[in-house]
Amino acid sequence: MSVLVRLDHENDYRETDHISREAFWDVYKPGCDERLTLRKM
């Protein structure tokens, strides 16, 4: 498995938001604090 590490681009934001929402939505409690944390970063 190879991993590419690079600086983020503005067009990455929407996909990252979608992935974090799908991964964490309603897992630990209603909503998704992890998604908000990523948005602030």
PDB file of N, CA and C in Angstrom:
ATOM      1  N   MET A   1       0.839  -1.165   0.000  1.00  0.00           N
ATOM      2  CA  MET A   1       0.000   0.000   0.000  1.00  0.00           C
ATOM      3  C   MET A   1       0.893   1.239   0.000  1.00  0.00           C
ATOM      4  N   SER A   2       0.665   2.120  -0.936  1.00  0.00           N
ATOM      5  CA  SER A   2       1.422   3.363  -0.961  1.00  0.00           C
ATOM      6  C   SER A   2       0.518   4.518  -0.554  1.00  0.00           C
ATOM      7  N   VAL A   3       1.090   5.477   0.127  1.00  0.00           N
ATOM      8  CA  VAL A   3       0.345   6.628   0.604  1.00  0.00           C
ATOM      9  C   VAL A   3       1.014   7.883   0.070  1.00  0.00           C
ATOM     10  N   LEU A   4       0.228   8.750  -0.515  1.00  0.00           N
ATOM     11  CA  LEU A   4       0.719  10.021  -1.026  1.00  0.00           C
ATOM     12  C   LEU A   4       0.318  11.123  -0.054  1.00  0.00           C
ATOM     13  N   VAL A   5       1.293  11.841   0.464  1.00  0.00           N
ATOM     14  CA  VAL A   5       1.029  12.950   1.370  1.00  0.00           C
ATOM     15  C   VAL A   5       1.324  14.232   0.603  1.00  0.00           C
ATOM     16  N   ARG A   6       0.342  15.126   0.572  1.00  0.00           N
ATOM     17  CA  ARG A   6       0.509  16.387  -0.157  1.00  0.00           C
ATOM     18  C   ARG A   6      -0.296  17.462   0.538  1.00  0.00           C
ATOM     19  N   LEU A   7      -0.059  18.691   0.154  1.00  0.00           N
ATOM     20  CA  LEU A   7      -0.856  19.789   0.675  1.00  0.00           C
ATOM     21  C   LEU A   7      -2.274  19.678   0.137  1.00  0.00           C
ATOM     22  N   ASP A   8      -3.220  20.157   0.903  1.00  0.00           N
ATOM     23  CA  ASP A   8      -4.605  20.087   0.448  1.00  0.00           C
ATOM     24  C   ASP A   8      -4.878  21.171  -0.590  1.00  0.00           C
ATOM     25  N   HIS A   9      -5.907  20.922  -1.366  1.00  0.00           N
ATOM     26  CA  HIS A   9      -6.372  21.860  -2.378  1.00  0.00           C
ATOM     27  C   HIS A   9      -7.829  22.195  -2.069  1.00  0.00           C
ATOM     28  N   GLU A  10      -8.260  23.334  -2.497  1.00  0.00           N
ATOM     29  CA  GLU A  10      -9.628  23.760  -2.213  1.00  0.00           C
ATOM     30  C   GLU A  10     -10.660  22.761  -2.734  1.00  0.00           C
ATOM     31  N   ASN A  11     -10.378  22.116  -3.854  1.00  0.00           N
ATOM     32  CA  ASN A  11     -11.346  21.157  -4.397  1.00  0.00           C
ATOM     33  C   ASN A  11     -11.370  19.842  -3.610  1.00  0.00           C
ATOM     34  N   ASP A  12     -10.505  19.669  -2.610  1.00  0.00           N
ATOM     35  CA  ASP A  12     -10.531  18.486  -1.736  1.00  0.00           C
ATOM     36  C   ASP A  12     -11.550  18.628  -0.617  1.00  0.00           C
ATOM     37  N   TYR A  13     -11.945  19.842  -0.278  1.00  0.00           N
ATOM     38  CA  TYR A  13     -12.764  20.085   0.906  1.00  0.00           C
ATOM     39  C   TYR A  13     -14.110  19.369   0.863  1.00  0.00           C
ATOM     40  N   ARG A  14     -14.777  19.425  -0.247  1.00  0.00           N
ATOM     41  CA  ARG A  14     -16.116  18.811  -0.340  1.00  0.00           C
ATOM     42  C   ARG A  14     -16.039  17.296  -0.164  1.00  0.00           C
ATOM     43  N   GLU A  15     -15.067  16.662  -0.802  1.00  0.00           N
ATOM     44  CA  GLU A  15     -14.934  15.214  -0.686  1.00  0.00           C
ATOM     45  C   GLU A  15     -14.543  14.811   0.740  1.00  0.00           C
ATOM     46  N   THR A  16     -13.658  15.559   1.356  1.00  0.00           N
ATOM     47  CA  THR A  16     -13.257  15.279   2.731  1.00  0.00           C
ATOM     48  C   THR A  16     -14.442  15.411   3.680  1.00  0.00           C
ATOM     49  N   ASP A  17     -15.253  16.431   3.476  1.00  0.00           N
ATOM     50  CA  ASP A  17     -16.441  16.634   4.293  1.00  0.00           C
ATOM     51  C   ASP A  17     -17.399  15.455   4.147  1.00  0.00           C
ATOM     52  N   HIS A  18     -17.590  15.003   2.931  1.00  0.00           N
ATOM     53  CA  HIS A  18     -18.488  13.876   2.666  1.00  0.00           C
ATOM     54  C   HIS A  18     -17.975  12.591   3.328  1.00  0.00           C
ATOM     55  N   ILE A  19     -16.687  12.323   3.190  1.00  0.00           N
ATOM     56  CA  ILE A  19     -16.110  11.102   3.767  1.00  0.00           C
ATOM     57  C   ILE A  19     -16.224  11.118   5.285  1.00  0.00           C
ATOM     58  N   SER A  20     -15.915  12.246   5.912  1.00  0.00           N
ATOM     59  CA  SER A  20     -16.001  12.308   7.377  1.00  0.00           C
ATOM     60  C   SER A  20     -17.439  12.171   7.858  1.00  0.00           C
ATOM     61  N   ARG A  21     -18.384  12.736   7.121  1.00  0.00           N
ATOM     62  CA  ARG A  21     -19.803  12.605   7.501  1.00  0.00           C
ATOM     63  C   ARG A  21     -20.238  11.148   7.395  1.00  0.00           C
ATOM     64  N   GLU A  22     -19.873  10.490   6.319  1.00  0.00           N
ATOM     65  CA  GLU A  22     -20.260   9.086   6.136  1.00  0.00           C
ATOM     66  C   GLU A  22     -19.608   8.183   7.181  1.00  0.00           C
ATOM     67  N   ALA A  23     -18.387   8.492   7.569  1.00  0.00           N
ATOM     68  CA  ALA A  23     -17.664   7.648   8.512  1.00  0.00           C
ATOM     69  C   ALA A  23     -18.170   7.786   9.947  1.00  0.00           C
ATOM     70  N   PHE A  24     -18.560   9.009  10.356  1.00  0.00           N
ATOM     71  CA  PHE A  24     -18.846   9.252  11.756  1.00  0.00           C
ATOM     72  C   PHE A  24     -20.278   9.631  12.089  1.00  0.00           C
ATOM     73  N   TRP A  25     -21.138   9.826  11.121  1.00  0.00           N
ATOM     74  CA  TRP A  25     -22.494  10.305  11.393  1.00  0.00           C
ATOM     75  C   TRP A  25     -23.247   9.313  12.275  1.00  0.00           C
ATOM     76  N   ASP A  26     -23.729   9.783  13.407  1.00  0.00           N
ATOM     77  CA  ASP A  26     -24.537   9.003  14.357  1.00  0.00           C
ATOM     78  C   ASP A  26     -23.834   7.762  14.906  1.00  0.00           C
ATOM     79  N   VAL A  27     -22.511   7.727  14.911  1.00  0.00           N
ATOM     80  CA  VAL A  27     -21.799   6.568  15.450  1.00  0.00           C
ATOM     81  C   VAL A  27     -21.791   6.606  16.974  1.00  0.00           C
ATOM     82  N   TYR A  28     -21.362   7.709  17.548  1.00  0.00           N
ATOM     83  CA  TYR A  28     -21.250   7.816  18.999  1.00  0.00           C
ATOM     84  C   TYR A  28     -22.420   8.562  19.627  1.00  0.00           C
ATOM     85  N   LYS A  29     -23.012   9.453  18.869  1.00  0.00           N
ATOM     86  CA  LYS A  29     -24.166  10.227  19.323  1.00  0.00           C
ATOM     87  C   LYS A  29     -24.798  10.865  18.088  1.00  0.00           C
ATOM     88  N   PRO A  30     -25.978  11.435  18.188  1.00  0.00           N
ATOM     89  CA  PRO A  30     -26.585  12.079  17.019  1.00  0.00           C
ATOM     90  C   PRO A  30     -25.686  13.190  16.471  1.00  0.00           C
ATOM     91  N   GLY A  31     -25.540  13.217  15.194  1.00  0.00           N
ATOM     92  CA  GLY A  31     -24.717  14.236  14.548  1.00  0.00           C
ATOM     93  C   GLY A  31     -23.307  13.758  14.310  1.00  0.00           C
ATOM     94  N   CYS A  32     -22.395  14.725  14.181  1.00  0.00           N
ATOM     95  CA  CYS A  32     -21.028  14.362  13.832  1.00  0.00           C
ATOM     96  C   CYS A  32     -20.056  15.464  14.245  1.00  0.00           C
ATOM     97  N   ASP A  33     -19.548  15.412  15.465  1.00  0.00           N
ATOM     98  CA  ASP A  33     -18.578  16.405  15.928  1.00  0.00           C
ATOM     99  C   ASP A  33     -17.252  16.288  15.181  1.00  0.00           C
ATOM    100  N   GLU A  34     -16.899  15.095  14.756  1.00  0.00           N
ATOM    101  CA  GLU A  34     -15.647  14.897  14.034  1.00  0.00           C
ATOM    102  C   GLU A  34     -15.632  15.701  12.734  1.00  0.00           C
ATOM    103  N   ARG A  35     -16.765  15.766  12.090  1.00  0.00           N
ATOM    104  CA  ARG A  35     -16.889  16.525  10.853  1.00  0.00           C
ATOM    105  C   ARG A  35     -16.647  18.018  11.115  1.00  0.00           C
ATOM    106  N   LEU A  36     -17.216  18.545  12.181  1.00  0.00           N
ATOM    107  CA  LEU A  36     -17.011  19.948  12.530  1.00  0.00           C
ATOM    108  C   LEU A  36     -15.558  20.232  12.890  1.00  0.00           C
ATOM    109  N   THR A  37     -14.918  19.290  13.557  1.00  0.00           N
ATOM    110  CA  THR A  37     -13.504  19.439  13.893  1.00  0.00           C
ATOM    111  C   THR A  37     -12.662  19.535  12.630  1.00  0.00           C
ATOM    112  N   LEU A  38     -12.925  18.681  11.665  1.00  0.00           N
ATOM    113  CA  LEU A  38     -12.189  18.744  10.399  1.00  0.00           C
ATOM    114  C   LEU A  38     -12.437  20.067   9.668  1.00  0.00           C
ATOM    115  N   ARG A  39     -13.642  20.555   9.706  1.00  0.00           N
ATOM    116  CA  ARG A  39     -13.935  21.832   9.054  1.00  0.00           C
ATOM    117  C   ARG A  39     -13.148  22.982   9.668  1.00  0.00           C
ATOM    118  N   LYS A  40     -12.983  22.948  10.993  1.00  0.00           N
ATOM    119  CA  LYS A  40     -12.247  24.009  11.657  1.00  0.00           C
ATOM    120  C   LYS A  40     -10.756  23.932  11.385  1.00  0.00           C
ATOM    121  N   MET A  41     -10.261  22.730  11.133  1.00  0.00           N
ATOM    122  CA  MET A  41      -8.832  22.555  10.849  1.00  0.00           C
ATOM    123  C   MET A  41      -8.539  23.085   9.470  1.00  0.00           C
TER     124      MET A  41
END
